C-alpha atoms as a PDB file:
ATOM      1  CA  MET A   1      14.977   3.177  -7.073  1.00  0.00           C
ATOM      2  CA  SER A   2      14.333   1.749  -3.672  1.00  0.00           C
ATOM      3  CA  ILE A   3      16.322   1.297  -0.418  1.00  0.00           C
ATOM      4  CA  PRO A   4      16.938  -2.285  -0.063  1.00  0.00           C
ATOM      5  CA  MET A   5      17.064  -5.128   2.496  1.00  0.00           C
ATOM      6  CA  LEU A   6      17.176  -1.893   4.899  1.00  0.00           C
ATOM      7  CA  THR A   7      17.088  -3.026   8.211  1.00  0.00           C
ATOM      8  CA  GLU A   8      18.090  -2.236  11.671  1.00  0.00           C
ATOM      9  CA  ALA A   9      19.959  -5.199  12.634  1.00  0.00           C
ATOM     10  CA  THR A  10      21.737  -4.019   9.245  1.00  0.00           C
ATOM     11  CA  ILE A  11      22.489  -0.892  10.332  1.00  0.00           C
ATOM     12  CA  ARG A  12      23.282  -2.835  13.915  1.00  0.00           C
ATOM     13  CA  SER A  13      26.012  -5.191  12.474  1.00  0.00           C
ATOM     14  CA  GLY A  14      27.591  -2.153  10.035  1.00  0.00           C
ATOM     15  CA  ALA A  15      28.408  -0.061  13.810  1.00  0.00           C
ATOM     16  CA  SER A  16      30.202  -0.516  16.657  1.00  0.00           C
ATOM     17  CA  SER A  17      27.513  -0.469  19.917  1.00  0.00           C
ATOM     18  CA  GLU A  18      28.815   2.909  20.599  1.00  0.00           C
ATOM     19  CA  SER A  19      28.151   3.834  17.160  1.00  0.00           C
ATOM     20  CA  PHE A  20      24.721   2.852  17.337  1.00  0.00           C
ATOM     21  CA  SER A  21      24.029   3.980  20.707  1.00  0.00           C
ATOM     22  CA  ARG A  22      25.643   7.469  19.700  1.00  0.00           C
ATOM     23  CA  GLY A  23      23.736   7.297  16.122  1.00  0.00           C
ATOM     24  CA  ARG A  24      20.403   6.453  17.785  1.00  0.00           C
ATOM     25  CA  ASP A  25      20.397   9.418  19.957  1.00  0.00           C
ATOM     26  CA  TYR A  26      21.091  12.248  17.005  1.00  0.00           C
ATOM     27  CA  TYR A  27      17.592  10.136  15.134  1.00  0.00           C
ATOM     28  CA  ASP A  28      16.153  11.125  18.199  1.00  0.00           C
ATOM     29  CA  ARG A  29      17.045  14.063  18.221  1.00  0.00           C
ATOM     30  CA  GLY A  30      16.033  15.350  15.056  1.00  0.00           C
ATOM     31  CA  ALA A  31      19.880  16.051  13.909  1.00  0.00           C
ATOM     32  CA  VAL A  32      19.361  14.323  10.353  1.00  0.00           C
ATOM     33  CA  ALA A  33      18.066  16.223   7.409  1.00  0.00           C
ATOM     34  CA  ASN A  34      17.822  16.977   3.519  1.00  0.00           C
ATOM     35  CA  LEU A  35      18.042  13.413   2.945  1.00  0.00           C
ATOM     36  CA  THR A  36      17.312  12.341  -1.273  1.00  0.00           C
ATOM     37  CA  LEU A  37      16.958   9.367  -3.199  1.00  0.00           C
ATOM     38  CA  ARG A  38      18.632   9.486  -6.297  1.00  0.00           C
ATOM     39  CA  ASP A  39      19.276   6.211  -7.438  1.00  0.00           C
ATOM     40  CA  ASP A  40      20.482   3.947  -5.863  1.00  0.00           C
ATOM     41  CA  MET A  41      22.391   6.782  -3.155  1.00  0.00           C
ATOM     42  CA  ILE A  42      20.606   8.497  -0.206  1.00  0.00           C
ATOM     43  CA  GLU A  43      21.964  11.071   1.175  1.00  0.00           C
ATOM     44  CA  GLY A  44      21.661  13.870   4.349  1.00  0.00           C
ATOM     45  CA  THR A  45      23.182  15.968   6.936  1.00  0.00           C
ATOM     46  CA  VAL A  46      23.519  15.015  10.440  1.00  0.00           C
ATOM     47  CA  GLU A  47      23.647  18.245  13.114  1.00  0.00           C
ATOM     48  CA  GLY A  48      27.425  17.272  14.857  1.00  0.00           C
ATOM     49  CA  SER A  49      29.408  19.474  17.595  1.00  0.00           C
ATOM     50  CA  GLN A  50      30.904  21.295  13.810  1.00  0.00           C
ATOM     51  CA  TYR A  51      28.967  23.966  12.851  1.00  0.00           C
ATOM     52  CA  THR A  52      29.036  22.772   9.725  1.00  0.00           C
ATOM     53  CA  PRO A  53      26.744  19.370   9.670  1.00  0.00           C
ATOM     54  CA  TYR A  54      28.464  16.185   8.793  1.00  0.00           C
ATOM     55  CA  ARG A  55      27.085  15.500   5.073  1.00  0.00           C
ATOM     56  CA  VAL A  56      26.702  11.255   4.943  1.00  0.00           C
ATOM     57  CA  ARG A  57      26.465   8.713   1.453  1.00  0.00           C
ATOM     58  CA  VAL A  58      25.255   6.163   1.452  1.00  0.00           C
ATOM     59  CA  THR A  59      24.976   3.569  -1.854  1.00  0.00           C
ATOM     60  CA  PHE A  60      23.083   0.417  -2.352  1.00  0.00           C
ATOM     61  CA  ASP A  61      22.836  -2.938  -4.670  1.00  0.00           C
ATOM     62  CA  GLN A  62      21.128  -5.728  -4.919  1.00  0.00           C
ATOM     63  CA  GLY A  63      22.612  -6.754  -1.988  1.00  0.00           C
ATOM     64  CA  GLY A  64      22.195  -3.907   0.415  1.00  0.00           C
ATOM     65  CA  ILE A  65      24.490  -1.290   1.605  1.00  0.00           C
ATOM     66  CA  ALA A  66      27.608  -1.461  -1.112  1.00  0.00           C
ATOM     67  CA  ALA A  67      29.210   2.000   0.735  1.00  0.00           C
ATOM     68  CA  ALA A  68      28.676   5.112   3.220  1.00  0.00           C
ATOM     69  CA  THR A  69      31.053   7.800   3.668  1.00  0.00           C
ATOM     70  CA  CYS A  70      30.929  10.471   5.422  1.00  0.00           C
ATOM     71  CA  THR A  71      32.535  14.165   6.031  1.00  0.00           C
ATOM     72  CA  CYS A  72      33.488  13.755  10.083  1.00  0.00           C
ATOM     73  CA  PRO A  73      37.427  11.993  11.158  1.00  0.00           C
ATOM     74  CA  TYR A  74      36.117   8.823  12.512  1.00  0.00           C
ATOM     75  CA  GLY A  75      38.317   6.300  11.507  1.00  0.00           C
ATOM     76  CA  LEU A  76      37.848   3.311  14.203  1.00  0.00           C
ATOM     77  CA  GLY A  77      36.045   0.622  11.877  1.00  0.00           C
ATOM     78  CA  GLY A  78      32.315   0.562  11.217  1.00  0.00           C
ATOM     79  CA  TRP A  79      30.036   3.295  10.581  1.00  0.00           C
ATOM     80  CA  CYS A  80      30.335   6.433  12.558  1.00  0.00           C
ATOM     81  CA  LYS A  81      27.428   7.463  14.526  1.00  0.00           C
ATOM     82  CA  HIS A  82      26.178   9.793  11.195  1.00  0.00           C
ATOM     83  CA  ILE A  83      26.100   6.981   8.527  1.00  0.00           C
ATOM     84  CA  VAL A  84      23.984   5.673  11.377  1.00  0.00           C
ATOM     85  CA  ALA A  85      21.733   8.239  12.298  1.00  0.00           C
ATOM     86  CA  VAL A  86      20.795   8.333   8.043  1.00  0.00           C
ATOM     87  CA  LEU A  87      20.203   5.132   7.544  1.00  0.00           C
ATOM     88  CA  LEU A  88      17.795   4.598  11.010  1.00  0.00           C
ATOM     89  CA  ALA A  89      15.969   7.598   8.867  1.00  0.00           C
ATOM     90  CA  ALA A  90      15.908   6.410   6.081  1.00  0.00           C
ATOM     91  CA  LEU A  91      14.545   3.034   7.677  1.00  0.00           C
ATOM     92  CA  HIS A  92      11.735   4.873   9.254  1.00  0.00           C
ATOM     93  CA  ASN A  93      10.742   8.324   7.924  1.00  0.00           C
ATOM     94  CA  THR A  94      10.350   7.414   4.288  1.00  0.00           C
ATOM     95  CA  SER A  95       8.094   9.993   3.486  1.00  0.00           C
ATOM     96  CA  GLU A  96      11.024  12.660   4.402  1.00  0.00           C
ATOM     97  CA  ILE A  97      13.460  11.093   2.007  1.00  0.00           C
ATOM     98  CA  GLU A  98      12.938  13.722  -1.453  1.00  0.00           C
ATOM     99  CA  ARG A  99      13.144  11.195  -4.364  1.00  0.00           C
ATOM    100  CA  ARG A 100      15.589  12.874  -7.427  1.00  0.00           C
ATOM    101  CA  PRO A 101      15.845  11.979 -11.060  1.00  0.00           C
ATOM    102  CA  SER A 102      19.214  10.356 -12.165  1.00  0.00           C
ATOM    103  CA  LEU A 103      21.307  12.598 -13.277  1.00  0.00           C
ATOM    104  CA  GLU A 104      21.563  10.899 -17.409  1.00  0.00           C
ATOM    105  CA  THR A 105      17.190  11.904 -16.683  1.00  0.00           C
ATOM    106  CA  LEU A 106      17.689  15.393 -15.786  1.00  0.00           C
ATOM    107  CA  LEU A 107      20.546  15.929 -18.437  1.00  0.00           C
ATOM    108  CA  ALA A 108      19.364  14.280 -21.343  1.00  0.00           C
ATOM    109  CA  GLY A 109      17.083  17.320 -21.977  1.00  0.00           C
ATOM    110  CA  LEU A 110      20.209  19.342 -22.641  1.00  0.00           C
ATOM    111  CA  ASP A 111      22.226  20.359 -25.564  1.00  0.00           C
ATOM    112  CA  ARG A 112      25.158  20.793 -26.369  1.00  0.00           C
ATOM    113  CA  THR A 113      25.982  24.585 -25.117  1.00  0.00           C
ATOM    114  CA  GLN A 114      23.651  23.646 -22.303  1.00  0.00           C
ATOM    115  CA  LEU A 115      26.025  20.998 -20.747  1.00  0.00           C
ATOM    116  CA  GLN A 116      28.902  23.195 -21.551  1.00  0.00           C
ATOM    117  CA  THR A 117      27.916  26.388 -19.676  1.00  0.00           C
ATOM    118  CA  LEU A 118      27.147  23.762 -16.806  1.00  0.00           C
ATOM    119  CA  LEU A 119      30.221  22.436 -16.726  1.00  0.00           C
ATOM    120  CA  LEU A 120      32.376  25.925 -17.068  1.00  0.00           C
ATOM    121  CA  SER A 121      29.691  27.147 -14.061  1.00  0.00           C
ATOM    122  CA  LEU A 122      30.711  24.184 -12.373  1.00  0.00           C
ATOM    123  CA  ALA A 123      34.042  24.525 -12.545  1.00  0.00           C
ATOM    124  CA  GLU A 124      34.232  27.961 -12.001  1.00  0.00           C
ATOM    125  CA  ARG A 125      32.970  27.394  -8.348  1.00  0.00           C
ATOM    126  CA  ASP A 126      34.836  24.954  -7.734  1.00  0.00           C
ATOM    127  CA  PRO A 127      38.759  24.441  -8.672  1.00  0.00           C
ATOM    128  CA  ASP A 128      38.475  20.557  -7.588  1.00  0.00           C
ATOM    129  CA  MET A 129      35.881  20.199 -10.223  1.00  0.00           C
ATOM    130  CA  ALA A 130      37.464  21.586 -12.627  1.00  0.00           C
ATOM    131  CA  ASP A 131      41.062  19.249 -12.270  1.00  0.00           C
ATOM    132  CA  ALA A 132      38.258  16.176 -12.283  1.00  0.00           C
ATOM    133  CA  ILE A 133      37.080  17.401 -15.888  1.00  0.00           C
ATOM    134  CA  GLU A 134      40.761  17.342 -17.490  1.00  0.00           C
ATOM    135  CA  ARG A 135      40.918  14.114 -15.858  1.00  0.00           C
ATOM    136  CA  GLN A 136      37.660  12.791 -17.246  1.00  0.00           C
ATOM    137  CA  VAL A 137      38.555  14.691 -20.737  1.00  0.00           C
ATOM    138  CA  VAL A 138      42.261  13.326 -21.417  1.00  0.00           C
ATOM    139  CA  LEU A 139      40.454   9.981 -20.586  1.00  0.00           C
ATOM    140  CA  LEU A 140      38.312  10.031 -22.877  1.00  0.00           C
ATOM    141  CA  ARG A 141      40.668  11.331 -25.568  1.00  0.00           C
ATOM    142  CA  LEU A 142      43.129   8.406 -24.761  1.00  0.00           C
ATOM    143  CA  ALA A 143      39.853   5.590 -24.895  1.00  0.00           C
ATOM    144  CA  ASN A 144      38.962   7.593 -27.922  1.00  0.00           C
ATOM    145  CA  ALA A 145      42.743   7.031 -29.151  1.00  0.00           C
ATOM    146  CA  ALA A 146      42.631   3.356 -28.428  1.00  0.00           C
ATOM    147  CA  PRO A 147      42.595   1.112 -31.749  1.00  0.00           C
ATOM    148  CA  SER A 148      38.663  -0.619 -31.544  1.00  0.00           C
ATOM    149  CA  SER A 149      39.500  -4.620 -31.175  1.00  0.00           C
ATOM    150  CA  THR A 150      36.899  -5.489 -33.799  1.00  0.00           C
END
């Protein structure tokens, strides 16, 4: 998917003037890295004031930007400077965006054993992932147990 209706005016309208200005500075300094586009979502990292770079995720729909999140603690309304920096990089550096296949495409070729091994490996590395998998399994079982409305 391409990034629909992304303009500098759109980016400005989602951020305060200070966030936009500071995001522009981050973009100009080359602080944005690891831009990837998968389906309707672009992700990137931004070197900020912390040791660990901030992670930004922006989801698009037909109308443009549907959601934008960052791992920074910003809470003043509108998009933070890191989101602004990633959006500016996506707008002005399209050749630097790594395009990746959808997860559906990646997983389609795996058999049951491979999928199970993948899930177990992810859950082993991240206890939150194990909890998320468990919640999804419960929901799937409930959906399968519900009487159909045919």
